[in-house]
Amino acid sequence: MTRYFTNEHEWIDVDGDTATVGITDYAQGQLGDIVFVEVPEEGREVSKGGEAAVVESVKAASDVYAPVTGTVTEGNAALTDDPSLVNSDPENSGWFFKLTLADKGELDGLMDEAAYKDFVASL
């Protein structure tokens, strides 16, 4: 499985044509305590860079963008009952949604972990 990152602080794990999407530890730290998450419904088409989910914290509400184009296969239902999973485990059990990739070529514009760490360090 390969993990990529966006400059909007989303991560995407890719395994074949399937991907899991969430926000990075940096992003959840900037947001503060997460109080609500709205994940996309199964079957929803999302476009690269388009709004896919919503996360609300005590500080602000933010959109979560789709790192790639695809069809949502699952939203993380656990976040409805426990949105704080995004704070406690943002890059594992705090994932937002899974999707089927429409175009693997869209992954080419994303950062690997080393490039993302350099990006965050420059902020």
PDB file of N, CA and C in Angstrom:
ATOM      1  N   MET A   1       0.843  -1.180   0.000  1.00  0.00           N
ATOM      2  CA  MET A   1       0.000   0.000   0.000  1.00  0.00           C
ATOM      3  C   MET A   1       0.889   1.244   0.000  1.00  0.00           C
ATOM      4  N   THR A   2       0.530   2.207  -0.825  1.00  0.00           N
ATOM      5  CA  THR A   2       1.302   3.430  -0.949  1.00  0.00           C
ATOM      6  C   THR A   2       0.492   4.598  -0.409  1.00  0.00           C
ATOM      7  N   ARG A   3       1.135   5.472   0.373  1.00  0.00           N
ATOM      8  CA  ARG A   3       0.462   6.642   0.933  1.00  0.00           C
ATOM      9  C   ARG A   3       0.968   7.897   0.241  1.00  0.00           C
ATOM     10  N   TYR A   4       0.001   8.751  -0.120  1.00  0.00           N
ATOM     11  CA  TYR A   4       0.286  10.040  -0.732  1.00  0.00           C
ATOM     12  C   TYR A   4      -0.353  11.131   0.119  1.00  0.00           C
ATOM     13  N   PHE A   5       0.081  12.384  -0.121  1.00  0.00           N
ATOM     14  CA  PHE A   5      -0.428  13.527   0.635  1.00  0.00           C
ATOM     15  C   PHE A   5      -0.746  14.675  -0.312  1.00  0.00           C
ATOM     16  N   THR A   6      -1.703  15.532   0.107  1.00  0.00           N
ATOM     17  CA  THR A   6      -2.049  16.730  -0.674  1.00  0.00           C
ATOM     18  C   THR A   6      -1.562  17.964   0.065  1.00  0.00           C
ATOM     19  N   ASN A   7      -1.512  19.098  -0.634  1.00  0.00           N
ATOM     20  CA  ASN A   7      -1.134  20.340   0.037  1.00  0.00           C
ATOM     21  C   ASN A   7      -2.287  20.912   0.856  1.00  0.00           C
ATOM     22  N   GLU A   8      -3.446  20.243   0.829  1.00  0.00           N
ATOM     23  CA  GLU A   8      -4.584  20.607   1.687  1.00  0.00           C
ATOM     24  C   GLU A   8      -4.609  19.735   2.939  1.00  0.00           C
ATOM     25  N   HIS A   9      -3.574  18.917   3.115  1.00  0.00           N
ATOM     26  CA  HIS A   9      -3.364  18.075   4.308  1.00  0.00           C
ATOM     27  C   HIS A   9      -4.287  16.862   4.394  1.00  0.00           C
ATOM     28  N   GLU A  10      -4.645  16.317   3.236  1.00  0.00           N
ATOM     29  CA  GLU A  10      -5.297  15.014   3.205  1.00  0.00           C
ATOM     30  C   GLU A  10      -4.245  13.956   2.908  1.00  0.00           C
ATOM     31  N   TRP A  11      -4.480  12.740   3.398  1.00  0.00           N
ATOM     32  CA  TRP A  11      -3.650  11.597   3.019  1.00  0.00           C
ATOM     33  C   TRP A  11      -4.530  10.608   2.279  1.00  0.00           C
ATOM     34  N   ILE A  12      -3.897   9.811   1.436  1.00  0.00           N
ATOM     35  CA  ILE A  12      -4.625   8.779   0.693  1.00  0.00           C
ATOM     36  C   ILE A  12      -3.740   7.537   0.612  1.00  0.00           C
ATOM     37  N   ASP A  13      -4.277   6.432   1.091  1.00  0.00           N
ATOM     38  CA  ASP A  13      -3.604   5.137   0.989  1.00  0.00           C
ATOM     39  C   ASP A  13      -4.181   4.423  -0.218  1.00  0.00           C
ATOM     40  N   VAL A  14      -3.315   3.974  -1.122  1.00  0.00           N
ATOM     41  CA  VAL A  14      -3.766   3.332  -2.347  1.00  0.00           C
ATOM     42  C   VAL A  14      -3.347   1.864  -2.352  1.00  0.00           C
ATOM     43  N   ASP A  15      -4.333   1.003  -2.618  1.00  0.00           N
ATOM     44  CA  ASP A  15      -4.097  -0.440  -2.724  1.00  0.00           C
ATOM     45  C   ASP A  15      -4.843  -0.913  -3.961  1.00  0.00           C
ATOM     46  N   GLY A  16      -4.118  -1.032  -5.077  1.00  0.00           N
ATOM     47  CA  GLY A  16      -4.770  -1.386  -6.340  1.00  0.00           C
ATOM     48  C   GLY A  16      -5.630  -0.232  -6.821  1.00  0.00           C
ATOM     49  N   ASP A  17      -6.936  -0.502  -7.026  1.00  0.00           N
ATOM     50  CA  ASP A  17      -7.872   0.536  -7.472  1.00  0.00           C
ATOM     51  C   ASP A  17      -8.662   1.121  -6.315  1.00  0.00           C
ATOM     52  N   THR A  18      -8.328   0.733  -5.089  1.00  0.00           N
ATOM     53  CA  THR A  18      -9.059   1.175  -3.907  1.00  0.00           C
ATOM     54  C   THR A  18      -8.193   2.124  -3.099  1.00  0.00           C
ATOM     55  N   ALA A  19      -8.820   3.138  -2.514  1.00  0.00           N
ATOM     56  CA  ALA A  19      -8.070   4.103  -1.710  1.00  0.00           C
ATOM     57  C   ALA A  19      -8.848   4.468  -0.455  1.00  0.00           C
ATOM     58  N   THR A  20      -8.115   4.789   0.599  1.00  0.00           N
ATOM     59  CA  THR A  20      -8.678   5.274   1.854  1.00  0.00           C
ATOM     60  C   THR A  20      -8.156   6.689   2.058  1.00  0.00           C
ATOM     61  N   VAL A  21      -9.051   7.611   2.479  1.00  0.00           N
ATOM     62  CA  VAL A  21      -8.717   9.030   2.586  1.00  0.00           C
ATOM     63  C   VAL A  21      -8.990   9.537   3.999  1.00  0.00           C
ATOM     64  N   GLY A  22      -8.095  10.388   4.485  1.00  0.00           N
ATOM     65  CA  GLY A  22      -8.282  11.039   5.776  1.00  0.00           C
ATOM     66  C   GLY A  22      -7.497  12.336   5.809  1.00  0.00           C
ATOM     67  N   ILE A  23      -7.461  12.966   6.985  1.00  0.00           N
ATOM     68  CA  ILE A  23      -6.653  14.170   7.131  1.00  0.00           C
ATOM     69  C   ILE A  23      -5.418  13.846   7.965  1.00  0.00           C
ATOM     70  N   THR A  24      -4.382  14.617   7.772  1.00  0.00           N
ATOM     71  CA  THR A  24      -3.111  14.345   8.427  1.00  0.00           C
ATOM     72  C   THR A  24      -3.122  14.759   9.897  1.00  0.00           C
ATOM     73  N   ASP A  25      -2.126  14.273  10.608  1.00  0.00           N
ATOM     74  CA  ASP A  25      -1.944  14.656  12.003  1.00  0.00           C
ATOM     75  C   ASP A  25      -1.743  16.169  12.106  1.00  0.00           C
ATOM     76  N   TYR A  26      -1.019  16.752  11.157  1.00  0.00           N
ATOM     77  CA  TYR A  26      -0.827  18.209  11.145  1.00  0.00           C
ATOM     78  C   TYR A  26      -2.180  18.917  11.059  1.00  0.00           C
ATOM     79  N   ALA A  27      -3.045  18.453  10.158  1.00  0.00           N
ATOM     80  CA  ALA A  27      -4.354  19.090   9.962  1.00  0.00           C
ATOM     81  C   ALA A  27      -5.209  19.013  11.219  1.00  0.00           C
ATOM     82  N   GLN A  28      -5.273  17.835  11.845  1.00  0.00           N
ATOM     83  CA  GLN A  28      -6.114  17.729  13.043  1.00  0.00           C
ATOM     84  C   GLN A  28      -5.549  18.606  14.155  1.00  0.00           C
ATOM     85  N   GLY A  29      -4.222  18.747  14.220  1.00  0.00           N
ATOM     86  CA  GLY A  29      -3.617  19.612  15.229  1.00  0.00           C
ATOM     87  C   GLY A  29      -3.979  21.072  15.026  1.00  0.00           C
ATOM     88  N   GLN A  30      -4.064  21.488  13.766  1.00  0.00           N
ATOM     89  CA  GLN A  30      -4.453  22.865  13.448  1.00  0.00           C
ATOM     90  C   GLN A  30      -5.928  23.113  13.767  1.00  0.00           C
ATOM     91  N   LEU A  31      -6.760  22.091  13.563  1.00  0.00           N
ATOM     92  CA  LEU A  31      -8.202  22.236  13.808  1.00  0.00           C
ATOM     93  C   LEU A  31      -8.548  22.257  15.296  1.00  0.00           C
ATOM     94  N   GLY A  32      -7.820  21.508  16.086  1.00  0.00           N
ATOM     95  CA  GLY A  32      -8.169  21.391  17.505  1.00  0.00           C
ATOM     96  C   GLY A  32      -9.162  20.268  17.711  1.00  0.00           C
ATOM     97  N   ASP A  33      -9.901  20.311  18.805  1.00  0.00           N
ATOM     98  CA  ASP A  33     -10.818  19.226  19.153  1.00  0.00           C
ATOM     99  C   ASP A  33     -11.943  19.091  18.133  1.00  0.00           C
ATOM    100  N   ILE A  34     -12.009  17.936  17.481  1.00  0.00           N
ATOM    101  CA  ILE A  34     -13.026  17.654  16.471  1.00  0.00           C
ATOM    102  C   ILE A  34     -14.332  17.293  17.181  1.00  0.00           C
ATOM    103  N   VAL A  35     -15.431  17.967  16.784  1.00  0.00           N
ATOM    104  CA  VAL A  35     -16.721  17.720  17.433  1.00  0.00           C
ATOM    105  C   VAL A  35     -17.763  17.115  16.489  1.00  0.00           C
ATOM    106  N   PHE A  36     -17.510  17.166  15.166  1.00  0.00           N
ATOM    107  CA  PHE A  36     -18.477  16.642  14.196  1.00  0.00           C
ATOM    108  C   PHE A  36     -17.762  16.335  12.890  1.00  0.00           C
ATOM    109  N   VAL A  37     -18.142  15.221  12.268  1.00  0.00           N
ATOM    110  CA  VAL A  37     -17.614  14.850  10.957  1.00  0.00           C
ATOM    111  C   VAL A  37     -18.776  14.392  10.087  1.00  0.00           C
ATOM    112  N   GLU A  38     -18.824  14.894   8.868  1.00  0.00           N
ATOM    113  CA  GLU A  38     -19.804  14.431   7.879  1.00  0.00           C
ATOM    114  C   GLU A  38     -19.030  13.773   6.748  1.00  0.00           C
ATOM    115  N   VAL A  39     -19.240  12.470   6.578  1.00  0.00           N
ATOM    116  CA  VAL A  39     -18.541  11.728   5.526  1.00  0.00           C
ATOM    117  C   VAL A  39     -19.472  11.545   4.330  1.00  0.00           C
ATOM    118  N   PRO A  40     -18.915  11.345   3.136  1.00  0.00           N
ATOM    119  CA  PRO A  40     -19.761  11.162   1.951  1.00  0.00           C
ATOM    120  C   PRO A  40     -20.470   9.806   1.965  1.00  0.00           C
ATOM    121  N   GLU A  41     -21.613   9.768   1.298  1.00  0.00           N
ATOM    122  CA  GLU A  41     -22.398   8.534   1.206  1.00  0.00           C
ATOM    123  C   GLU A  41     -21.801   7.583   0.178  1.00  0.00           C
ATOM    124  N   GLU A  42     -22.010   6.302   0.403  1.00  0.00           N
ATOM    125  CA  GLU A  42     -21.589   5.282  -0.549  1.00  0.00           C
ATOM    126  C   GLU A  42     -22.237   5.556  -1.895  1.00  0.00           C
ATOM    127  N   GLY A  43     -21.454   5.436  -2.958  1.00  0.00           N
ATOM    128  CA  GLY A  43     -21.966   5.663  -4.311  1.00  0.00           C
ATOM    129  C   GLY A  43     -21.772   7.082  -4.821  1.00  0.00           C
ATOM    130  N   ARG A  44     -21.404   7.992  -3.937  1.00  0.00           N
ATOM    131  CA  ARG A  44     -21.209   9.384  -4.362  1.00  0.00           C
ATOM    132  C   ARG A  44     -19.945   9.496  -5.213  1.00  0.00           C
ATOM    133  N   GLU A  45     -20.053  10.246  -6.290  1.00  0.00           N
ATOM    134  CA  GLU A  45     -18.908  10.527  -7.150  1.00  0.00           C
ATOM    135  C   GLU A  45     -18.210  11.765  -6.594  1.00  0.00           C
ATOM    136  N   VAL A  46     -16.901  11.680  -6.421  1.00  0.00           N
ATOM    137  CA  VAL A  46     -16.123  12.836  -5.976  1.00  0.00           C
ATOM    138  C   VAL A  46     -15.073  13.144  -7.036  1.00  0.00           C
ATOM    139  N   SER A  47     -14.732  14.422  -7.152  1.00  0.00           N
ATOM    140  CA  SER A  47     -13.748  14.864  -8.142  1.00  0.00           C
ATOM    141  C   SER A  47     -12.497  15.353  -7.446  1.00  0.00           C
ATOM    142  N   LYS A  48     -11.355  15.127  -8.074  1.00  0.00           N
ATOM    143  CA  LYS A  48     -10.079  15.569  -7.505  1.00  0.00           C
ATOM    144  C   LYS A  48     -10.160  17.052  -7.171  1.00  0.00           C
ATOM    145  N   GLY A  49      -9.861  17.381  -5.906  1.00  0.00           N
ATOM    146  CA  GLY A  49      -9.896  18.766  -5.456  1.00  0.00           C
ATOM    147  C   GLY A  49     -11.262  19.253  -5.032  1.00  0.00           C
ATOM    148  N   GLY A  50     -12.292  18.434  -5.254  1.00  0.00           N
ATOM    149  CA  GLY A  50     -13.650  18.832  -4.883  1.00  0.00           C
ATOM    150  C   GLY A  50     -13.969  18.478  -3.435  1.00  0.00           C
ATOM    151  N   GLU A  51     -14.974  19.149  -2.888  1.00  0.00           N
ATOM    152  CA  GLU A  51     -15.391  18.888  -1.518  1.00  0.00           C
ATOM    153  C   GLU A  51     -15.929  17.469  -1.403  1.00  0.00           C
ATOM    154  N   ALA A  52     -15.479  16.753  -0.377  1.00  0.00           N
ATOM    155  CA  ALA A  52     -15.914  15.371  -0.197  1.00  0.00           C
ATOM    156  C   ALA A  52     -16.506  15.124   1.186  1.00  0.00           C
ATOM    157  N   ALA A  53     -16.012  15.823   2.199  1.00  0.00           N
ATOM    158  CA  ALA A  53     -16.468  15.625   3.572  1.00  0.00           C
ATOM    159  C   ALA A  53     -16.345  16.950   4.313  1.00  0.00           C
ATOM    160  N   VAL A  54     -16.919  16.983   5.519  1.00  0.00           N
ATOM    161  CA  VAL A  54     -16.859  18.171   6.359  1.00  0.00           C
ATOM    162  C   VAL A  54     -16.367  17.757   7.730  1.00  0.00           C
ATOM    163  N   VAL A  55     -15.507  18.575   8.306  1.00  0.00           N
ATOM    164  CA  VAL A  55     -15.027  18.335   9.665  1.00  0.00           C
ATOM    165  C   VAL A  55     -15.209  19.642  10.445  1.00  0.00           C
ATOM    166  N   GLU A  56     -15.799  19.528  11.635  1.00  0.00           N
ATOM    167  CA  GLU A  56     -15.997  20.700  12.479  1.00  0.00           C
ATOM    168  C   GLU A  56     -15.255  20.499  13.790  1.00  0.00           C
ATOM    169  N   SER A  57     -14.583  21.572  14.203  1.00  0.00           N
ATOM    170  CA  SER A  57     -13.867  21.539  15.474  1.00  0.00           C
ATOM    171  C   SER A  57     -14.365  22.689  16.335  1.00  0.00           C
ATOM    172  N   VAL A  58     -13.808  22.785  17.525  1.00  0.00           N
ATOM    173  CA  VAL A  58     -14.178  23.891  18.393  1.00  0.00           C
ATOM    174  C   VAL A  58     -13.715  25.217  17.798  1.00  0.00           C
ATOM    175  N   LYS A  59     -12.756  25.183  16.864  1.00  0.00           N
ATOM    176  CA  LYS A  59     -12.218  26.392  16.237  1.00  0.00           C
ATOM    177  C   LYS A  59     -12.934  26.774  14.950  1.00  0.00           C
ATOM    178  N   ALA A  60     -13.254  25.774  14.103  1.00  0.00           N
ATOM    179  CA  ALA A  60     -13.740  26.088  12.759  1.00  0.00           C
ATOM    180  C   ALA A  60     -14.362  24.863  12.094  1.00  0.00           C
ATOM    181  N   ALA A  61     -15.094  25.127  11.013  1.00  0.00           N
ATOM    182  CA  ALA A  61     -15.577  24.052  10.142  1.00  0.00           C
ATOM    183  C   ALA A  61     -14.725  24.099   8.884  1.00  0.00           C
ATOM    184  N   SER A  62     -14.333  22.932   8.385  1.00  0.00           N
ATOM    185  CA  SER A  62     -13.483  22.863   7.204  1.00  0.00           C
ATOM    186  C   SER A  62     -13.974  21.774   6.272  1.00  0.00           C
ATOM    187  N   ASP A  63     -13.724  21.979   4.990  1.00  0.00           N
ATOM    188  CA  ASP A  63     -14.003  20.944   4.012  1.00  0.00           C
ATOM    189  C   ASP A  63     -12.812  20.004   3.922  1.00  0.00           C
ATOM    190  N   VAL A  64     -13.100  18.756   3.627  1.00  0.00           N
ATOM    191  CA  VAL A  64     -12.072  17.776   3.304  1.00  0.00           C
ATOM    192  C   VAL A  64     -12.236  17.513   1.811  1.00  0.00           C
ATOM    193  N   TYR A  65     -11.137  17.653   1.072  1.00  0.00           N
ATOM    194  CA  TYR A  65     -11.189  17.545  -0.374  1.00  0.00           C
ATOM    195  C   TYR A  65     -10.758  16.159  -0.837  1.00  0.00           C
ATOM    196  N   ALA A  66     -11.308  15.739  -1.957  1.00  0.00           N
ATOM    197  CA  ALA A  66     -10.935  14.450  -2.542  1.00  0.00           C
ATOM    198  C   ALA A  66      -9.565  14.597  -3.209  1.00  0.00           C
ATOM    199  N   PRO A  67      -8.588  13.777  -2.817  1.00  0.00           N
ATOM    200  CA  PRO A  67      -7.268  13.856  -3.454  1.00  0.00           C
ATOM    201  C   PRO A  67      -7.279  13.372  -4.899  1.00  0.00           C
ATOM    202  N   VAL A  68      -8.268  12.547  -5.241  1.00  0.00           N
ATOM    203  CA  VAL A  68      -8.408  11.990  -6.586  1.00  0.00           C
ATOM    204  C   VAL A  68      -9.887  11.864  -6.923  1.00  0.00           C
ATOM    205  N   THR A  69     -10.180  11.644  -8.195  1.00  0.00           N
ATOM    206  CA  THR A  69     -11.541  11.401  -8.648  1.00  0.00           C
ATOM    207  C   THR A  69     -11.893   9.932  -8.421  1.00  0.00           C
ATOM    208  N   GLY A  70     -13.129   9.690  -7.994  1.00  0.00           N
ATOM    209  CA  GLY A  70     -13.545   8.312  -7.804  1.00  0.00           C
ATOM    210  C   GLY A  70     -14.950   8.198  -7.256  1.00  0.00           C
ATOM    211  N   THR A  71     -15.335   6.960  -6.947  1.00  0.00           N
ATOM    212  CA  THR A  71     -16.658   6.663  -6.402  1.00  0.00           C
ATOM    213  C   THR A  71     -16.493   6.164  -4.973  1.00  0.00           C
ATOM    214  N   VAL A  72     -17.188   6.812  -4.054  1.00  0.00           N
ATOM    215  CA  VAL A  72     -17.103   6.444  -2.646  1.00  0.00           C
ATOM    216  C   VAL A  72     -17.697   5.053  -2.439  1.00  0.00           C
ATOM    217  N   THR A  73     -16.942   4.195  -1.776  1.00  0.00           N
ATOM    218  CA  THR A  73     -17.421   2.839  -1.475  1.00  0.00           C
ATOM    219  C   THR A  73     -17.825   2.691  -0.014  1.00  0.00           C
ATOM    220  N   GLU A  74     -17.327   3.597   0.840  1.00  0.00           N
ATOM    221  CA  GLU A  74     -17.644   3.510   2.269  1.00  0.00           C
ATOM    222  C   GLU A  74     -17.259   4.805   2.962  1.00  0.00           C
ATOM    223  N   GLY A  75     -18.143   5.263   3.854  1.00  0.00           N
ATOM    224  CA  GLY A  75     -17.805   6.352   4.763  1.00  0.00           C
ATOM    225  C   GLY A  75     -17.516   5.736   6.122  1.00  0.00           C
ATOM    226  N   ASN A  76     -16.652   6.343   6.901  1.00  0.00           N
ATOM    227  CA  ASN A  76     -16.293   5.797   8.211  1.00  0.00           C
ATOM    228  C   ASN A  76     -17.394   6.115   9.225  1.00  0.00           C
ATOM    229  N   ALA A  77     -18.296   5.144   9.421  1.00  0.00           N
ATOM    230  CA  ALA A  77     -19.436   5.323  10.329  1.00  0.00           C
ATOM    231  C   ALA A  77     -18.992   5.569  11.766  1.00  0.00           C
ATOM    232  N   ALA A  78     -17.827   5.085  12.141  1.00  0.00           N
ATOM    233  CA  ALA A  78     -17.338   5.272  13.514  1.00  0.00           C
ATOM    234  C   ALA A  78     -17.179   6.748  13.860  1.00  0.00           C
ATOM    235  N   LEU A  79     -16.933   7.595  12.860  1.00  0.00           N
ATOM    236  CA  LEU A  79     -16.738   9.023  13.119  1.00  0.00           C
ATOM    237  C   LEU A  79     -18.038   9.717  13.522  1.00  0.00           C
ATOM    238  N   THR A  80     -19.177   9.148  13.148  1.00  0.00           N
ATOM    239  CA  THR A  80     -20.457   9.720  13.553  1.00  0.00           C
ATOM    240  C   THR A  80     -20.608   9.635  15.067  1.00  0.00           C
ATOM    241  N   ASP A  81     -20.276   8.484  15.620  1.00  0.00           N
ATOM    242  CA  ASP A  81     -20.390   8.271  17.065  1.00  0.00           C
ATOM    243  C   ASP A  81     -19.216   8.857  17.839  1.00  0.00           C
ATOM    244  N   ASP A  82     -18.039   8.892  17.233  1.00  0.00           N
ATOM    245  CA  ASP A  82     -16.833   9.333  17.932  1.00  0.00           C
ATOM    246  C   ASP A  82     -15.936  10.157  17.013  1.00  0.00           C
ATOM    247  N   PRO A  83     -16.333  11.425  16.745  1.00  0.00           N
ATOM    248  CA  PRO A  83     -15.514  12.255  15.854  1.00  0.00           C
ATOM    249  C   PRO A  83     -14.107  12.509  16.390  1.00  0.00           C
ATOM    250  N   SER A  84     -13.896  12.310  17.689  1.00  0.00           N
ATOM    251  CA  SER A  84     -12.573  12.544  18.273  1.00  0.00           C
ATOM    252  C   SER A  84     -11.535  11.536  17.778  1.00  0.00           C
ATOM    253  N   LEU A  85     -11.968  10.467  17.088  1.00  0.00           N
ATOM    254  CA  LEU A  85     -11.015   9.540  16.464  1.00  0.00           C
ATOM    255  C   LEU A  85     -10.091  10.283  15.497  1.00  0.00           C
ATOM    256  N   VAL A  86     -10.601  11.362  14.907  1.00  0.00           N
ATOM    257  CA  VAL A  86      -9.783  12.149  13.984  1.00  0.00           C
ATOM    258  C   VAL A  86      -8.620  12.788  14.742  1.00  0.00           C
ATOM    259  N   ASN A  87      -8.848  13.158  16.011  1.00  0.00           N
ATOM    260  CA  ASN A  87      -7.767  13.718  16.832  1.00  0.00           C
ATOM    261  C   ASN A  87      -6.830  12.636  17.352  1.00  0.00           C
ATOM    262  N   SER A  88      -7.397  11.548  17.832  1.00  0.00           N
ATOM    263  CA  SER A  88      -6.583  10.536  18.506  1.00  0.00           C
ATOM    264  C   SER A  88      -5.832   9.619  17.541  1.00  0.00           C
ATOM    265  N   ASP A  89      -6.373   9.400  16.343  1.00  0.00           N
ATOM    266  CA  ASP A  89      -5.732   8.479  15.394  1.00  0.00           C
ATOM    267  C   ASP A  89      -6.027   8.918  13.954  1.00  0.00           C
ATOM    268  N   PRO A  90      -5.594  10.139  13.589  1.00  0.00           N
ATOM    269  CA  PRO A  90      -5.997  10.712  12.298  1.00  0.00           C
ATOM    270  C   PRO A  90      -5.538   9.939  11.077  1.00  0.00           C
ATOM    271  N   GLU A  91      -4.419   9.234  11.175  1.00  0.00           N
ATOM    272  CA  GLU A  91      -3.874   8.587   9.988  1.00  0.00           C
ATOM    273  C   GLU A  91      -4.078   7.074  10.002  1.00  0.00           C
ATOM    274  N   ASN A  92      -5.019   6.619  10.833  1.00  0.00           N
ATOM    275  CA  ASN A  92      -5.389   5.199  10.863  1.00  0.00           C
ATOM    276  C   ASN A  92      -6.902   5.070  11.055  1.00  0.00           C
ATOM    277  N   SER A  93      -7.366   4.833  12.283  1.00  0.00           N
ATOM    278  CA  SER A  93      -8.800   4.596  12.500  1.00  0.00           C
ATOM    279  C   SER A  93      -9.656   5.841  12.301  1.00  0.00           C
ATOM    280  N   GLY A  94      -9.038   7.032  12.212  1.00  0.00           N
ATOM    281  CA  GLY A  94      -9.783   8.265  11.976  1.00  0.00           C
ATOM    282  C   GLY A  94      -9.958   8.604  10.510  1.00  0.00           C
ATOM    283  N   TRP A  95      -9.839   7.602   9.617  1.00  0.00           N
ATOM    284  CA  TRP A  95     -10.029   7.830   8.178  1.00  0.00           C
ATOM    285  C   TRP A  95     -11.457   8.314   7.905  1.00  0.00           C
ATOM    286  N   PHE A  96     -11.666   8.995   6.773  1.00  0.00           N
ATOM    287  CA  PHE A  96     -12.966   9.563   6.436  1.00  0.00           C
ATOM    288  C   PHE A  96     -13.779   8.704   5.473  1.00  0.00           C
ATOM    289  N   PHE A  97     -13.157   8.296   4.361  1.00  0.00           N
ATOM    290  CA  PHE A  97     -13.909   7.504   3.370  1.00  0.00           C
ATOM    291  C   PHE A  97     -12.968   6.678   2.516  1.00  0.00           C
ATOM    292  N   LYS A  98     -13.572   5.670   1.873  1.00  0.00           N
ATOM    293  CA  LYS A  98     -12.857   4.826   0.912  1.00  0.00           C
ATOM    294  C   LYS A  98     -13.495   5.043  -0.449  1.00  0.00           C
ATOM    295  N   LEU A  99     -12.687   4.890  -1.483  1.00  0.00           N
ATOM    296  CA  LEU A  99     -13.220   5.072  -2.838  1.00  0.00           C
ATOM    297  C   LEU A  99     -12.511   4.175  -3.830  1.00  0.00           C
ATOM    298  N   THR A 100     -13.163   4.025  -4.991  1.00  0.00           N
ATOM    299  CA  THR A 100     -12.565   3.345  -6.128  1.00  0.00           C
ATOM    300  C   THR A 100     -12.004   4.426  -7.046  1.00  0.00           C
ATOM    301  N   LEU A 101     -10.730   4.298  -7.383  1.00  0.00           N
ATOM    302  CA  LEU A 101     -10.067   5.297  -8.223  1.00  0.00           C
ATOM    303  C   LEU A 101     -10.629   5.301  -9.640  1.00  0.00           C
ATOM    304  N   ALA A 102     -10.831   6.499 -10.189  1.00  0.00           N
ATOM    305  CA  ALA A 102     -11.265   6.629 -11.573  1.00  0.00           C
ATOM    306  C   ALA A 102     -10.062   6.736 -12.514  1.00  0.00           C
ATOM    307  N   ASP A 103      -8.964   7.353 -12.027  1.00  0.00           N
ATOM    308  CA  ASP A 103      -7.798   7.585 -12.875  1.00  0.00           C
ATOM    309  C   ASP A 103      -6.543   7.572 -12.004  1.00  0.00           C
ATOM    310  N   LYS A 104      -5.798   6.473 -12.054  1.00  0.00           N
ATOM    311  CA  LYS A 104      -4.580   6.362 -11.239  1.00  0.00           C
ATOM    312  C   LYS A 104      -3.561   7.439 -11.587  1.00  0.00           C
ATOM    313  N   GLY A 105      -3.632   7.991 -12.771  1.00  0.00           N
ATOM    314  CA  GLY A 105      -2.709   9.047 -13.182  1.00  0.00           C
ATOM    315  C   GLY A 105      -2.797  10.281 -12.305  1.00  0.00           C
ATOM    316  N   GLU A 106      -3.955  10.486 -11.656  1.00  0.00           N
ATOM    317  CA  GLU A 106      -4.112  11.644 -10.769  1.00  0.00           C
ATOM    318  C   GLU A 106      -3.210  11.564  -9.540  1.00  0.00           C
ATOM    319  N   LEU A 107      -2.719  10.382  -9.221  1.00  0.00           N
ATOM    320  CA  LEU A 107      -1.826  10.226  -8.070  1.00  0.00           C
ATOM    321  C   LEU A 107      -0.474  10.888  -8.326  1.00  0.00           C
ATOM    322  N   ASP A 108      -0.123  11.073  -9.601  1.00  0.00           N
ATOM    323  CA  ASP A 108       1.189  11.620  -9.955  1.00  0.00           C
ATOM    324  C   ASP A 108       1.439  13.012  -9.380  1.00  0.00           C
ATOM    325  N   GLY A 109       0.398  13.795  -9.172  1.00  0.00           N
ATOM    326  CA  GLY A 109       0.565  15.153  -8.669  1.00  0.00           C
ATOM    327  C   GLY A 109       0.614  15.250  -7.151  1.00  0.00           C
ATOM    328  N   LEU A 110       0.532  14.120  -6.451  1.00  0.00           N
ATOM    329  CA  LEU A 110       0.517  14.133  -4.994  1.00  0.00           C
ATOM    330  C   LEU A 110       1.916  13.933  -4.427  1.00  0.00           C
ATOM    331  N   MET A 111       2.087  14.280  -3.163  1.00  0.00           N
ATOM    332  CA  MET A 111       3.390  14.177  -2.505  1.00  0.00           C
ATOM    333  C   MET A 111       3.555  12.828  -1.815  1.00  0.00           C
ATOM    334  N   ASP A 112       4.816  12.364  -1.742  1.00  0.00           N
ATOM    335  CA  ASP A 112       5.110  11.215  -0.892  1.00  0.00           C
ATOM    336  C   ASP A 112       5.353  11.743   0.527  1.00  0.00           C
ATOM    337  N   GLU A 113       5.611  10.846   1.475  1.00  0.00           N
ATOM    338  CA  GLU A 113       5.732  11.258   2.870  1.00  0.00           C
ATOM    339  C   GLU A 113       6.880  12.242   3.091  1.00  0.00           C
ATOM    340  N   ALA A 114       8.020  12.008   2.462  1.00  0.00           N
ATOM    341  CA  ALA A 114       9.173  12.904   2.627  1.00  0.00           C
ATOM    342  C   ALA A 114       8.859  14.306   2.107  1.00  0.00           C
ATOM    343  N   ALA A 115       8.225  14.380   0.940  1.00  0.00           N
ATOM    344  CA  ALA A 115       7.874  15.689   0.362  1.00  0.00           C
ATOM    345  C   ALA A 115       6.843  16.396   1.238  1.00  0.00           C
ATOM    346  N   TYR A 116       5.893  15.646   1.801  1.00  0.00           N
ATOM    347  CA  TYR A 116       4.888  16.252   2.668  1.00  0.00           C
ATOM    348  C   TYR A 116       5.535  16.799   3.945  1.00  0.00           C
ATOM    349  N   LYS A 117       6.461  16.044   4.529  1.00  0.00           N
ATOM    350  CA  LYS A 117       7.153  16.535   5.740  1.00  0.00           C
ATOM    351  C   LYS A 117       7.903  17.827   5.446  1.00  0.00           C
ATOM    352  N   ASP A 118       8.552  17.901   4.295  1.00  0.00           N
ATOM    353  CA  ASP A 118       9.247  19.132   3.887  1.00  0.00           C
ATOM    354  C   ASP A 118       8.253  20.273   3.707  1.00  0.00           C
ATOM    355  N   PHE A 119       7.090  19.967   3.107  1.00  0.00           N
ATOM    356  CA  PHE A 119       6.039  20.964   2.896  1.00  0.00           C
ATOM    357  C   PHE A 119       5.565  21.532   4.223  1.00  0.00           C
ATOM    358  N   VAL A 120       5.274  20.664   5.180  1.00  0.00           N
ATOM    359  CA  VAL A 120       4.786  21.095   6.497  1.00  0.00           C
ATOM    360  C   VAL A 120       5.861  21.920   7.216  1.00  0.00           C
ATOM    361  N   ALA A 121       7.102  21.501   7.096  1.00  0.00           N
ATOM    362  CA  ALA A 121       8.198  22.227   7.749  1.00  0.00           C
ATOM    363  C   ALA A 121       8.347  23.650   7.201  1.00  0.00           C
ATOM    364  N   SER A 122       7.916  23.861   5.967  1.00  0.00           N
ATOM    365  CA  SER A 122       8.042  25.184   5.343  1.00  0.00           C
ATOM    366  C   SER A 122       6.892  26.118   5.692  1.00  0.00           C
ATOM    367  N   LEU A 123       5.871  25.596   6.383  1.00  0.00           N
ATOM    368  CA  LEU A 123       4.691  26.422   6.713  1.00  0.00           C
ATOM    369  C   LEU A 123       4.942  27.336   7.890  1.00  0.00           C
TER     370      LEU A 123
END
